[in-house]
Amino acid sequence: GGWSVTGVNNGKDAVEGTALTEALTADFGPDGTFSGHGGCNTLTGPYEVTDPDGLAIGPLASTKMACAEDVMTLEAQYSAALAATTTYTIDGNTLTLRDADGATQVTATR
């Protein structure tokens, strides 16, 4: 099943969850394909998991719809956060994606 995103790093060292964030999804297919809804467009691309907790996502392709500016801003932040991800942890029903410095990029729940 897919994940519902609860927070996205806004590029200012803060992970924010808003009403807009609730539209975001992340799905890690068994065939190594990531797909996610960015609030406006669908993001798709490869992903690779390496032991013990490594995760690389992308490069991601996006559909090309235009939406409200705040939605597009969040989508860009989400795409950047996914691209920056190098590790993941799953604690119960919570997924946390972090970058190489250990900063949280994306949080999600099942």
PDB file of N, CA and C in Angstrom:
ATOM      1  N   GLY A   1       0.811  -1.211   0.000  1.00  0.00           N
ATOM      2  CA  GLY A   1       0.000   0.000   0.000  1.00  0.00           C
ATOM      3  C   GLY A   1       0.838   1.252   0.000  1.00  0.00           C
ATOM      4  N   GLY A   2       0.218   2.335  -0.313  1.00  0.00           N
ATOM      5  CA  GLY A   2       0.921   3.601  -0.383  1.00  0.00           C
ATOM      6  C   GLY A   2       1.001   4.302   0.951  1.00  0.00           C
ATOM      7  N   TRP A   3       1.787   5.341   0.992  1.00  0.00           N
ATOM      8  CA  TRP A   3       1.968   6.175   2.167  1.00  0.00           C
ATOM      9  C   TRP A   3       1.296   7.523   1.939  1.00  0.00           C
ATOM     10  N   SER A   4       0.721   8.055   3.008  1.00  0.00           N
ATOM     11  CA  SER A   4       0.189   9.414   2.978  1.00  0.00           C
ATOM     12  C   SER A   4       1.194  10.330   3.649  1.00  0.00           C
ATOM     13  N   VAL A   5       1.619  11.348   2.933  1.00  0.00           N
ATOM     14  CA  VAL A   5       2.664  12.242   3.442  1.00  0.00           C
ATOM     15  C   VAL A   5       2.103  13.153   4.528  1.00  0.00           C
ATOM     16  N   THR A   6       2.849  13.280   5.625  1.00  0.00           N
ATOM     17  CA  THR A   6       2.420  14.133   6.741  1.00  0.00           C
ATOM     18  C   THR A   6       3.294  15.360   6.905  1.00  0.00           C
ATOM     19  N   GLY A   7       4.483  15.339   6.304  1.00  0.00           N
ATOM     20  CA  GLY A   7       5.370  16.492   6.425  1.00  0.00           C
ATOM     21  C   GLY A   7       6.405  16.491   5.320  1.00  0.00           C
ATOM     22  N   VAL A   8       6.799  17.692   4.908  1.00  0.00           N
ATOM     23  CA  VAL A   8       7.799  17.860   3.861  1.00  0.00           C
ATOM     24  C   VAL A   8       8.783  18.940   4.288  1.00  0.00           C
ATOM     25  N   ASN A   9      10.075  18.682   4.096  1.00  0.00           N
ATOM     26  CA  ASN A   9      11.088  19.686   4.388  1.00  0.00           C
ATOM     27  C   ASN A   9      10.916  20.850   3.415  1.00  0.00           C
ATOM     28  N   ASN A  10      10.809  22.049   3.961  1.00  0.00           N
ATOM     29  CA  ASN A  10      10.545  23.217   3.109  1.00  0.00           C
ATOM     30  C   ASN A  10      11.821  23.873   2.590  1.00  0.00           C
ATOM     31  N   GLY A  11      12.967  23.216   2.842  1.00  0.00           N
ATOM     32  CA  GLY A  11      14.224  23.770   2.373  1.00  0.00           C
ATOM     33  C   GLY A  11      14.790  24.802   3.326  1.00  0.00           C
ATOM     34  N   LYS A  12      14.060  25.075   4.402  1.00  0.00           N
ATOM     35  CA  LYS A  12      14.514  26.044   5.405  1.00  0.00           C
ATOM     36  C   LYS A  12      14.747  25.343   6.745  1.00  0.00           C
ATOM     37  N   ASP A  13      15.153  24.081   6.679  1.00  0.00           N
ATOM     38  CA  ASP A  13      15.433  23.287   7.875  1.00  0.00           C
ATOM     39  C   ASP A  13      14.201  23.062   8.730  1.00  0.00           C
ATOM     40  N   ALA A  14      13.024  23.108   8.119  1.00  0.00           N
ATOM     41  CA  ALA A  14      11.805  22.823   8.863  1.00  0.00           C
ATOM     42  C   ALA A  14      10.969  21.824   8.086  1.00  0.00           C
ATOM     43  N   VAL A  15      10.344  20.909   8.814  1.00  0.00           N
ATOM     44  CA  VAL A  15       9.440  19.955   8.187  1.00  0.00           C
ATOM     45  C   VAL A  15       8.023  20.399   8.513  1.00  0.00           C
ATOM     46  N   GLU A  16       7.282  20.744   7.490  1.00  0.00           N
ATOM     47  CA  GLU A  16       5.963  21.305   7.677  1.00  0.00           C
ATOM     48  C   GLU A  16       4.884  20.357   7.188  1.00  0.00           C
ATOM     49  N   GLY A  17       3.797  20.306   7.943  1.00  0.00           N
ATOM     50  CA  GLY A  17       2.604  19.608   7.513  1.00  0.00           C
ATOM     51  C   GLY A  17       1.475  20.614   7.454  1.00  0.00           C
ATOM     52  N   THR A  18       0.815  20.690   6.312  1.00  0.00           N
ATOM     53  CA  THR A  18      -0.296  21.623   6.149  1.00  0.00           C
ATOM     54  C   THR A  18      -1.467  20.877   5.526  1.00  0.00           C
ATOM     55  N   ALA A  19      -2.556  21.594   5.311  1.00  0.00           N
ATOM     56  CA  ALA A  19      -3.703  20.993   4.630  1.00  0.00           C
ATOM     57  C   ALA A  19      -3.297  20.515   3.243  1.00  0.00           C
ATOM     58  N   LEU A  20      -2.357  21.227   2.621  1.00  0.00           N
ATOM     59  CA  LEU A  20      -1.909  20.839   1.279  1.00  0.00           C
ATOM     60  C   LEU A  20      -1.116  19.540   1.307  1.00  0.00           C
ATOM     61  N   THR A  21      -0.342  19.357   2.384  1.00  0.00           N
ATOM     62  CA  THR A  21       0.509  18.171   2.481  1.00  0.00           C
ATOM     63  C   THR A  21      -0.320  16.895   2.429  1.00  0.00           C
ATOM     64  N   GLU A  22      -1.570  16.971   2.928  1.00  0.00           N
ATOM     65  CA  GLU A  22      -2.409  15.778   3.019  1.00  0.00           C
ATOM     66  C   GLU A  22      -2.719  15.183   1.647  1.00  0.00           C
ATOM     67  N   ALA A  23      -2.529  15.962   0.575  1.00  0.00           N
ATOM     68  CA  ALA A  23      -2.799  15.455  -0.771  1.00  0.00           C
ATOM     69  C   ALA A  23      -1.645  14.628  -1.318  1.00  0.00           C
ATOM     70  N   LEU A  24      -0.474  14.710  -0.656  1.00  0.00           N
ATOM     71  CA  LEU A  24       0.716  14.051  -1.176  1.00  0.00           C
ATOM     72  C   LEU A  24       0.733  12.568  -0.825  1.00  0.00           C
ATOM     73  N   THR A  25       1.250  11.766  -1.748  1.00  0.00           N
ATOM     74  CA  THR A  25       1.373  10.333  -1.503  1.00  0.00           C
ATOM     75  C   THR A  25       2.743   9.850  -1.953  1.00  0.00           C
ATOM     76  N   ALA A  26       3.116   8.684  -1.445  1.00  0.00           N
ATOM     77  CA  ALA A  26       4.354   8.020  -1.849  1.00  0.00           C
ATOM     78  C   ALA A  26       4.075   6.530  -1.914  1.00  0.00           C
ATOM     79  N   ASP A  27       4.444   5.921  -3.024  1.00  0.00           N
ATOM     80  CA  ASP A  27       4.219   4.491  -3.184  1.00  0.00           C
ATOM     81  C   ASP A  27       5.487   3.864  -3.755  1.00  0.00           C
ATOM     82  N   PHE A  28       5.979   2.844  -3.050  1.00  0.00           N
ATOM     83  CA  PHE A  28       7.199   2.164  -3.470  1.00  0.00           C
ATOM     84  C   PHE A  28       6.811   0.810  -4.047  1.00  0.00           C
ATOM     85  N   GLY A  29       6.785   0.726  -5.384  1.00  0.00           N
ATOM     86  CA  GLY A  29       6.327  -0.490  -6.036  1.00  0.00           C
ATOM     87  C   GLY A  29       7.324  -1.618  -5.910  1.00  0.00           C
ATOM     88  N   PRO A  30       6.835  -2.865  -5.948  1.00  0.00           N
ATOM     89  CA  PRO A  30       7.720  -4.030  -5.833  1.00  0.00           C
ATOM     90  C   PRO A  30       8.702  -4.150  -6.990  1.00  0.00           C
ATOM     91  N   ASP A  31       8.421  -3.449  -8.082  1.00  0.00           N
ATOM     92  CA  ASP A  31       9.292  -3.520  -9.252  1.00  0.00           C
ATOM     93  C   ASP A  31      10.379  -2.455  -9.238  1.00  0.00           C
ATOM     94  N   GLY A  32      10.509  -1.735  -8.114  1.00  0.00           N
ATOM     95  CA  GLY A  32      11.549  -0.717  -8.025  1.00  0.00           C
ATOM     96  C   GLY A  32      11.138   0.625  -8.590  1.00  0.00           C
ATOM     97  N   THR A  33       9.822   0.820  -8.756  1.00  0.00           N
ATOM     98  CA  THR A  33       9.330   2.098  -9.260  1.00  0.00           C
ATOM     99  C   THR A  33       8.655   2.878  -8.143  1.00  0.00           C
ATOM    100  N   PHE A  34       9.114   4.107  -7.954  1.00  0.00           N
ATOM    101  CA  PHE A  34       8.461   5.028  -7.021  1.00  0.00           C
ATOM    102  C   PHE A  34       7.394   5.799  -7.786  1.00  0.00           C
ATOM    103  N   SER A  35       6.234   5.968  -7.164  1.00  0.00           N
ATOM    104  CA  SER A  35       5.239   6.879  -7.723  1.00  0.00           C
ATOM    105  C   SER A  35       4.623   7.659  -6.577  1.00  0.00           C
ATOM    106  N   GLY A  36       4.375   8.904  -6.817  1.00  0.00           N
ATOM    107  CA  GLY A  36       3.801   9.739  -5.774  1.00  0.00           C
ATOM    108  C   GLY A  36       2.986  10.851  -6.377  1.00  0.00           C
ATOM    109  N   HIS A  37       2.002  11.317  -5.614  1.00  0.00           N
ATOM    110  CA  HIS A  37       1.232  12.477  -6.027  1.00  0.00           C
ATOM    111  C   HIS A  37       1.814  13.685  -5.317  1.00  0.00           C
ATOM    112  N   GLY A  38       2.177  14.701  -6.094  1.00  0.00           N
ATOM    113  CA  GLY A  38       2.818  15.875  -5.525  1.00  0.00           C
ATOM    114  C   GLY A  38       1.848  16.987  -5.174  1.00  0.00           C
ATOM    115  N   GLY A  39       0.543  16.683  -5.252  1.00  0.00           N
ATOM    116  CA  GLY A  39      -0.458  17.697  -4.977  1.00  0.00           C
ATOM    117  C   GLY A  39      -1.082  18.206  -6.259  1.00  0.00           C
ATOM    118  N   CYS A  40      -0.296  18.171  -7.336  1.00  0.00           N
ATOM    119  CA  CYS A  40      -0.763  18.602  -8.649  1.00  0.00           C
ATOM    120  C   CYS A  40      -0.416  17.548  -9.686  1.00  0.00           C
ATOM    121  N   ASN A  41       0.857  17.197  -9.733  1.00  0.00           N
ATOM    122  CA  ASN A  41       1.358  16.253 -10.727  1.00  0.00           C
ATOM    123  C   ASN A  41       1.742  14.916 -10.095  1.00  0.00           C
ATOM    124  N   THR A  42       1.861  13.919 -10.959  1.00  0.00           N
ATOM    125  CA  THR A  42       2.337  12.609 -10.541  1.00  0.00           C
ATOM    126  C   THR A  42       3.844  12.545 -10.759  1.00  0.00           C
ATOM    127  N   LEU A  43       4.560  12.125  -9.728  1.00  0.00           N
ATOM    128  CA  LEU A  43       6.013  11.967  -9.793  1.00  0.00           C
ATOM    129  C   LEU A  43       6.320  10.479  -9.895  1.00  0.00           C
ATOM    130  N   THR A  44       7.125  10.093 -10.874  1.00  0.00           N
ATOM    131  CA  THR A  44       7.485   8.694 -11.022  1.00  0.00           C
ATOM    132  C   THR A  44       8.960   8.559 -11.355  1.00  0.00           C
ATOM    133  N   GLY A  45       9.543   7.465 -10.905  1.00  0.00           N
ATOM    134  CA  GLY A  45      10.937   7.197 -11.208  1.00  0.00           C
ATOM    135  C   GLY A  45      11.395   5.979 -10.438  1.00  0.00           C
ATOM    136  N   PRO A  46      12.641   5.598 -10.657  1.00  0.00           N
ATOM    137  CA  PRO A  46      13.169   4.426  -9.960  1.00  0.00           C
ATOM    138  C   PRO A  46      13.515   4.732  -8.510  1.00  0.00           C
ATOM    139  N   TYR A  47      13.551   3.678  -7.703  1.00  0.00           N
ATOM    140  CA  TYR A  47      14.110   3.808  -6.356  1.00  0.00           C
ATOM    141  C   TYR A  47      14.919   2.568  -6.061  1.00  0.00           C
ATOM    142  N   GLU A  48      15.860   2.715  -5.150  1.00  0.00           N
ATOM    143  CA  GLU A  48      16.711   1.588  -4.781  1.00  0.00           C
ATOM    144  C   GLU A  48      16.936   1.595  -3.281  1.00  0.00           C
ATOM    145  N   VAL A  49      16.714   0.442  -2.679  1.00  0.00           N
ATOM    146  CA  VAL A  49      16.937   0.270  -1.242  1.00  0.00           C
ATOM    147  C   VAL A  49      18.222  -0.526  -1.056  1.00  0.00           C
ATOM    148  N   THR A  50      19.083  -0.056  -0.167  1.00  0.00           N
ATOM    149  CA  THR A  50      20.310  -0.777   0.152  1.00  0.00           C
ATOM    150  C   THR A  50      20.377  -0.996   1.654  1.00  0.00           C
ATOM    151  N   ASP A  51      20.889  -2.138   2.068  1.00  0.00           N
ATOM    152  CA  ASP A  51      20.982  -2.443   3.498  1.00  0.00           C
ATOM    153  C   ASP A  51      21.996  -1.531   4.175  1.00  0.00           C
ATOM    154  N   PRO A  52      21.774  -1.172   5.444  1.00  0.00           N
ATOM    155  CA  PRO A  52      20.598  -1.570   6.214  1.00  0.00           C
ATOM    156  C   PRO A  52      19.412  -0.621   6.041  1.00  0.00           C
ATOM    157  N   ASP A  53      19.670   0.639   5.712  1.00  0.00           N
ATOM    158  CA  ASP A  53      18.560   1.604   5.689  1.00  0.00           C
ATOM    159  C   ASP A  53      18.725   2.626   4.578  1.00  0.00           C
ATOM    160  N   GLY A  54      19.515   2.272   3.560  1.00  0.00           N
ATOM    161  CA  GLY A  54      19.758   3.215   2.471  1.00  0.00           C
ATOM    162  C   GLY A  54      18.583   3.284   1.505  1.00  0.00           C
ATOM    163  N   LEU A  55      18.349   4.457   0.982  1.00  0.00           N
ATOM    164  CA  LEU A  55      17.265   4.642   0.012  1.00  0.00           C
ATOM    165  C   LEU A  55      17.644   5.762  -0.947  1.00  0.00           C
ATOM    166  N   ALA A  56      17.582   5.456  -2.246  1.00  0.00           N
ATOM    167  CA  ALA A  56      17.800   6.469  -3.273  1.00  0.00           C
ATOM    168  C   ALA A  56      16.558   6.519  -4.146  1.00  0.00           C
ATOM    169  N   ILE A  57      16.059   7.722  -4.390  1.00  0.00           N
ATOM    170  CA  ILE A  57      14.844   7.916  -5.182  1.00  0.00           C
ATOM    171  C   ILE A  57      15.173   8.797  -6.382  1.00  0.00           C
ATOM    172  N   GLY A  58      14.757   8.341  -7.569  1.00  0.00           N
ATOM    173  CA  GLY A  58      14.890   9.177  -8.739  1.00  0.00           C
ATOM    174  C   GLY A  58      16.000   8.725  -9.665  1.00  0.00           C
ATOM    175  N   PRO A  59      16.195   9.488 -10.737  1.00  0.00           N
ATOM    176  CA  PRO A  59      15.546  10.779 -11.017  1.00  0.00           C
ATOM    177  C   PRO A  59      14.054  10.628 -11.295  1.00  0.00           C
ATOM    178  N   LEU A  60      13.301  11.619 -10.824  1.00  0.00           N
ATOM    179  CA  LEU A  60      11.854  11.581 -10.952  1.00  0.00           C
ATOM    180  C   LEU A  60      11.386  12.399 -12.145  1.00  0.00           C
ATOM    181  N   ALA A  61      10.441  11.844 -12.867  1.00  0.00           N
ATOM    182  CA  ALA A  61       9.764  12.574 -13.931  1.00  0.00           C
ATOM    183  C   ALA A  61       8.417  13.029 -13.395  1.00  0.00           C
ATOM    184  N   SER A  62       7.910  14.120 -13.942  1.00  0.00           N
ATOM    185  CA  SER A  62       6.659  14.686 -13.466  1.00  0.00           C
ATOM    186  C   SER A  62       5.743  14.966 -14.637  1.00  0.00           C
ATOM    187  N   THR A  63       4.434  14.756 -14.409  1.00  0.00           N
ATOM    188  CA  THR A  63       3.483  15.240 -15.397  1.00  0.00           C
ATOM    189  C   THR A  63       3.525  16.763 -15.356  1.00  0.00           C
ATOM    190  N   LYS A  64       2.928  17.435 -16.305  1.00  0.00           N
ATOM    191  CA  LYS A  64       3.179  18.861 -16.508  1.00  0.00           C
ATOM    192  C   LYS A  64       1.937  19.741 -16.326  1.00  0.00           C
ATOM    193  N   MET A  65       1.075  19.367 -15.407  1.00  0.00           N
ATOM    194  CA  MET A  65      -0.068  20.219 -15.136  1.00  0.00           C
ATOM    195  C   MET A  65       0.372  21.431 -14.319  1.00  0.00           C
ATOM    196  N   ALA A  66      -0.373  22.509 -14.462  1.00  0.00           N
ATOM    197  CA  ALA A  66      -0.120  23.700 -13.657  1.00  0.00           C
ATOM    198  C   ALA A  66      -1.251  23.832 -12.644  1.00  0.00           C
ATOM    199  N   CYS A  67      -0.870  24.186 -11.420  1.00  0.00           N
ATOM    200  CA  CYS A  67      -1.852  24.344 -10.352  1.00  0.00           C
ATOM    201  C   CYS A  67      -1.573  25.654  -9.621  1.00  0.00           C
ATOM    202  N   ALA A  68      -2.302  25.874  -8.545  1.00  0.00           N
ATOM    203  CA  ALA A  68      -2.119  27.086  -7.751  1.00  0.00           C
ATOM    204  C   ALA A  68      -0.674  27.180  -7.274  1.00  0.00           C
ATOM    205  N   GLU A  69      -0.215  28.412  -7.087  1.00  0.00           N
ATOM    206  CA  GLU A  69       1.191  28.639  -6.772  1.00  0.00           C
ATOM    207  C   GLU A  69       1.634  27.923  -5.500  1.00  0.00           C
ATOM    208  N   ASP A  70       0.781  27.934  -4.466  1.00  0.00           N
ATOM    209  CA  ASP A  70       1.183  27.288  -3.212  1.00  0.00           C
ATOM    210  C   ASP A  70       1.284  25.777  -3.385  1.00  0.00           C
ATOM    211  N   VAL A  71       0.431  25.215  -4.222  1.00  0.00           N
ATOM    212  CA  VAL A  71       0.485  23.778  -4.499  1.00  0.00           C
ATOM    213  C   VAL A  71       1.760  23.443  -5.262  1.00  0.00           C
ATOM    214  N   MET A  72       2.103  24.282  -6.241  1.00  0.00           N
ATOM    215  CA  MET A  72       3.302  24.046  -7.029  1.00  0.00           C
ATOM    216  C   MET A  72       4.566  24.193  -6.186  1.00  0.00           C
ATOM    217  N   THR A  73       4.550  25.141  -5.262  1.00  0.00           N
ATOM    218  CA  THR A  73       5.693  25.340  -4.367  1.00  0.00           C
ATOM    219  C   THR A  73       5.918  24.101  -3.518  1.00  0.00           C
ATOM    220  N   LEU A  74       4.842  23.571  -2.948  1.00  0.00           N
ATOM    221  CA  LEU A  74       4.960  22.370  -2.121  1.00  0.00           C
ATOM    222  C   LEU A  74       5.427  21.188  -2.960  1.00  0.00           C
ATOM    223  N   GLU A  75       4.921  21.077  -4.167  1.00  0.00           N
ATOM    224  CA  GLU A  75       5.326  19.975  -5.029  1.00  0.00           C
ATOM    225  C   GLU A  75       6.823  20.031  -5.320  1.00  0.00           C
ATOM    226  N   ALA A  76       7.330  21.225  -5.558  1.00  0.00           N
ATOM    227  CA  ALA A  76       8.763  21.389  -5.802  1.00  0.00           C
ATOM    228  C   ALA A  76       9.570  21.013  -4.568  1.00  0.00           C
ATOM    229  N   GLN A  77       9.074  21.396  -3.382  1.00  0.00           N
ATOM    230  CA  GLN A  77       9.750  21.047  -2.130  1.00  0.00           C
ATOM    231  C   GLN A  77       9.738  19.540  -1.916  1.00  0.00           C
ATOM    232  N   TYR A  78       8.596  18.916  -2.231  1.00  0.00           N
ATOM    233  CA  TYR A  78       8.460  17.467  -2.063  1.00  0.00           C
ATOM    234  C   TYR A  78       9.417  16.735  -3.008  1.00  0.00           C
ATOM    235  N   SER A  79       9.470  17.170  -4.249  1.00  0.00           N
ATOM    236  CA  SER A  79      10.355  16.554  -5.228  1.00  0.00           C
ATOM    237  C   SER A  79      11.810  16.687  -4.796  1.00  0.00           C
ATOM    238  N   ALA A  80      12.181  17.869  -4.312  1.00  0.00           N
ATOM    239  CA  ALA A  80      13.550  18.102  -3.849  1.00  0.00           C
ATOM    240  C   ALA A  80      13.863  17.248  -2.625  1.00  0.00           C
ATOM    241  N   ALA A  81      12.891  17.110  -1.726  1.00  0.00           N
ATOM    242  CA  ALA A  81      13.077  16.318  -0.510  1.00  0.00           C
ATOM    243  C   ALA A  81      13.278  14.847  -0.860  1.00  0.00           C
ATOM    244  N   LEU A  82      12.513  14.351  -1.815  1.00  0.00           N
ATOM    245  CA  LEU A  82      12.674  12.961  -2.247  1.00  0.00           C
ATOM    246  C   LEU A  82      14.050  12.754  -2.867  1.00  0.00           C
ATOM    247  N   ALA A  83      14.473  13.711  -3.688  1.00  0.00           N
ATOM    248  CA  ALA A  83      15.765  13.597  -4.365  1.00  0.00           C
ATOM    249  C   ALA A  83      16.920  13.618  -3.367  1.00  0.00           C
ATOM    250  N   ALA A  84      16.725  14.313  -2.242  1.00  0.00           N
ATOM    251  CA  ALA A  84      17.783  14.452  -1.233  1.00  0.00           C
ATOM    252  C   ALA A  84      17.867  13.242  -0.304  1.00  0.00           C
ATOM    253  N   THR A  85      16.862  12.382  -0.355  1.00  0.00           N
ATOM    254  CA  THR A  85      16.779  11.260   0.575  1.00  0.00           C
ATOM    255  C   THR A  85      17.907  10.254   0.369  1.00  0.00           C
ATOM    256  N   THR A  86      18.528   9.858   1.493  1.00  0.00           N
ATOM    257  CA  THR A  86      19.548   8.813   1.425  1.00  0.00           C
ATOM    258  C   THR A  86      19.264   7.657   2.379  1.00  0.00           C
ATOM    259  N   THR A  87      18.425   7.885   3.397  1.00  0.00           N
ATOM    260  CA  THR A  87      18.086   6.807   4.331  1.00  0.00           C
ATOM    261  C   THR A  87      16.608   6.863   4.687  1.00  0.00           C
ATOM    262  N   TYR A  88      16.108   5.739   5.171  1.00  0.00           N
ATOM    263  CA  TYR A  88      14.720   5.687   5.621  1.00  0.00           C
ATOM    264  C   TYR A  88      14.624   4.900   6.918  1.00  0.00           C
ATOM    265  N   THR A  89      13.602   5.198   7.707  1.00  0.00           N
ATOM    266  CA  THR A  89      13.257   4.383   8.861  1.00  0.00           C
ATOM    267  C   THR A  89      11.746   4.205   8.872  1.00  0.00           C
ATOM    268  N   ILE A  90      11.306   3.039   9.305  1.00  0.00           N
ATOM    269  CA  ILE A  90       9.885   2.777   9.489  1.00  0.00           C
ATOM    270  C   ILE A  90       9.685   2.398  10.947  1.00  0.00           C
ATOM    271  N   ASP A  91       8.854   3.167  11.642  1.00  0.00           N
ATOM    272  CA  ASP A  91       8.557   2.939  13.051  1.00  0.00           C
ATOM    273  C   ASP A  91       7.051   2.780  13.160  1.00  0.00           C
ATOM    274  N   GLY A  92       6.601   1.545  13.298  1.00  0.00           N
ATOM    275  CA  GLY A  92       5.160   1.306  13.306  1.00  0.00           C
ATOM    276  C   GLY A  92       4.582   1.647  11.947  1.00  0.00           C
ATOM    277  N   ASN A  93       3.672   2.627  11.920  1.00  0.00           N
ATOM    278  CA  ASN A  93       3.057   3.047  10.665  1.00  0.00           C
ATOM    279  C   ASN A  93       3.641   4.348  10.140  1.00  0.00           C
ATOM    280  N   THR A  94       4.814   4.733  10.664  1.00  0.00           N
ATOM    281  CA  THR A  94       5.404   6.002  10.266  1.00  0.00           C
ATOM    282  C   THR A  94       6.691   5.784   9.485  1.00  0.00           C
ATOM    283  N   LEU A  95       6.766   6.431   8.324  1.00  0.00           N
ATOM    284  CA  LEU A  95       7.950   6.391   7.484  1.00  0.00           C
ATOM    285  C   LEU A  95       8.650   7.740   7.565  1.00  0.00           C
ATOM    286  N   THR A  96       9.957   7.714   7.801  1.00  0.00           N
ATOM    287  CA  THR A  96      10.740   8.945   7.816  1.00  0.00           C
ATOM    288  C   THR A  96      11.874   8.817   6.813  1.00  0.00           C
ATOM    289  N   LEU A  97      11.969   9.795   5.915  1.00  0.00           N
ATOM    290  CA  LEU A  97      13.048   9.854   4.936  1.00  0.00           C
ATOM    291  C   LEU A  97      14.015  10.950   5.362  1.00  0.00           C
ATOM    292  N   ARG A  98      15.324  10.633   5.356  1.00  0.00           N
ATOM    293  CA  ARG A  98      16.323  11.605   5.786  1.00  0.00           C
ATOM    294  C   ARG A  98      17.404  11.763   4.727  1.00  0.00           C
ATOM    295  N   ASP A  99      18.103  12.917   4.795  1.00  0.00           N
ATOM    296  CA  ASP A  99      19.199  13.144   3.860  1.00  0.00           C
ATOM    297  C   ASP A  99      20.519  12.691   4.489  1.00  0.00           C
ATOM    298  N   ALA A 100      21.608  12.930   3.780  1.00  0.00           N
ATOM    299  CA  ALA A 100      22.919  12.437   4.207  1.00  0.00           C
ATOM    300  C   ALA A 100      23.366  13.038   5.530  1.00  0.00           C
ATOM    301  N   ASP A 101      22.830  14.213   5.879  1.00  0.00           N
ATOM    302  CA  ASP A 101      23.171  14.853   7.151  1.00  0.00           C
ATOM    303  C   ASP A 101      22.246  14.413   8.279  1.00  0.00           C
ATOM    304  N   GLY A 102      21.283  13.553   7.971  1.00  0.00           N
ATOM    305  CA  GLY A 102      20.341  13.086   8.982  1.00  0.00           C
ATOM    306  C   GLY A 102      19.137  13.995   9.164  1.00  0.00           C
ATOM    307  N   ALA A 103      19.014  15.012   8.310  1.00  0.00           N
ATOM    308  CA  ALA A 103      17.874  15.912   8.409  1.00  0.00           C
ATOM    309  C   ALA A 103      16.641  15.269   7.794  1.00  0.00           C
ATOM    310  N   THR A 104      15.518  15.355   8.492  1.00  0.00           N
ATOM    311  CA  THR A 104      14.281  14.778   7.988  1.00  0.00           C
ATOM    312  C   THR A 104      13.827  15.516   6.734  1.00  0.00           C
ATOM    313  N   GLN A 105      13.499  14.750   5.694  1.00  0.00           N
ATOM    314  CA  GLN A 105      13.035  15.306   4.434  1.00  0.00           C
ATOM    315  C   GLN A 105      11.540  15.125   4.232  1.00  0.00           C
ATOM    316  N   VAL A 106      11.074  13.913   4.528  1.00  0.00           N
ATOM    317  CA  VAL A 106       9.654  13.596   4.351  1.00  0.00           C
ATOM    318  C   VAL A 106       9.218  12.685   5.478  1.00  0.00           C
ATOM    319  N   THR A 107       8.024  12.933   6.018  1.00  0.00           N
ATOM    320  CA  THR A 107       7.398  12.002   6.940  1.00  0.00           C
ATOM    321  C   THR A 107       6.072  11.562   6.328  1.00  0.00           C
ATOM    322  N   ALA A 108       5.725  10.308   6.563  1.00  0.00           N
ATOM    323  CA  ALA A 108       4.509   9.759   5.974  1.00  0.00           C
ATOM    324  C   ALA A 108       3.940   8.686   6.888  1.00  0.00           C
ATOM    325  N   THR A 109       2.673   8.376   6.678  1.00  0.00           N
ATOM    326  CA  THR A 109       2.004   7.361   7.481  1.00  0.00           C
ATOM    327  C   THR A 109       1.183   6.458   6.577  1.00  0.00           C
ATOM    328  N   ARG A 110       0.926   5.255   7.062  1.00  0.00           N
ATOM    329  CA  ARG A 110       0.145   4.278   6.301  1.00  0.00           C
ATOM    330  C   ARG A 110      -1.276   4.235   6.826  1.00  0.00           C
TER     331      ARG A 110
END
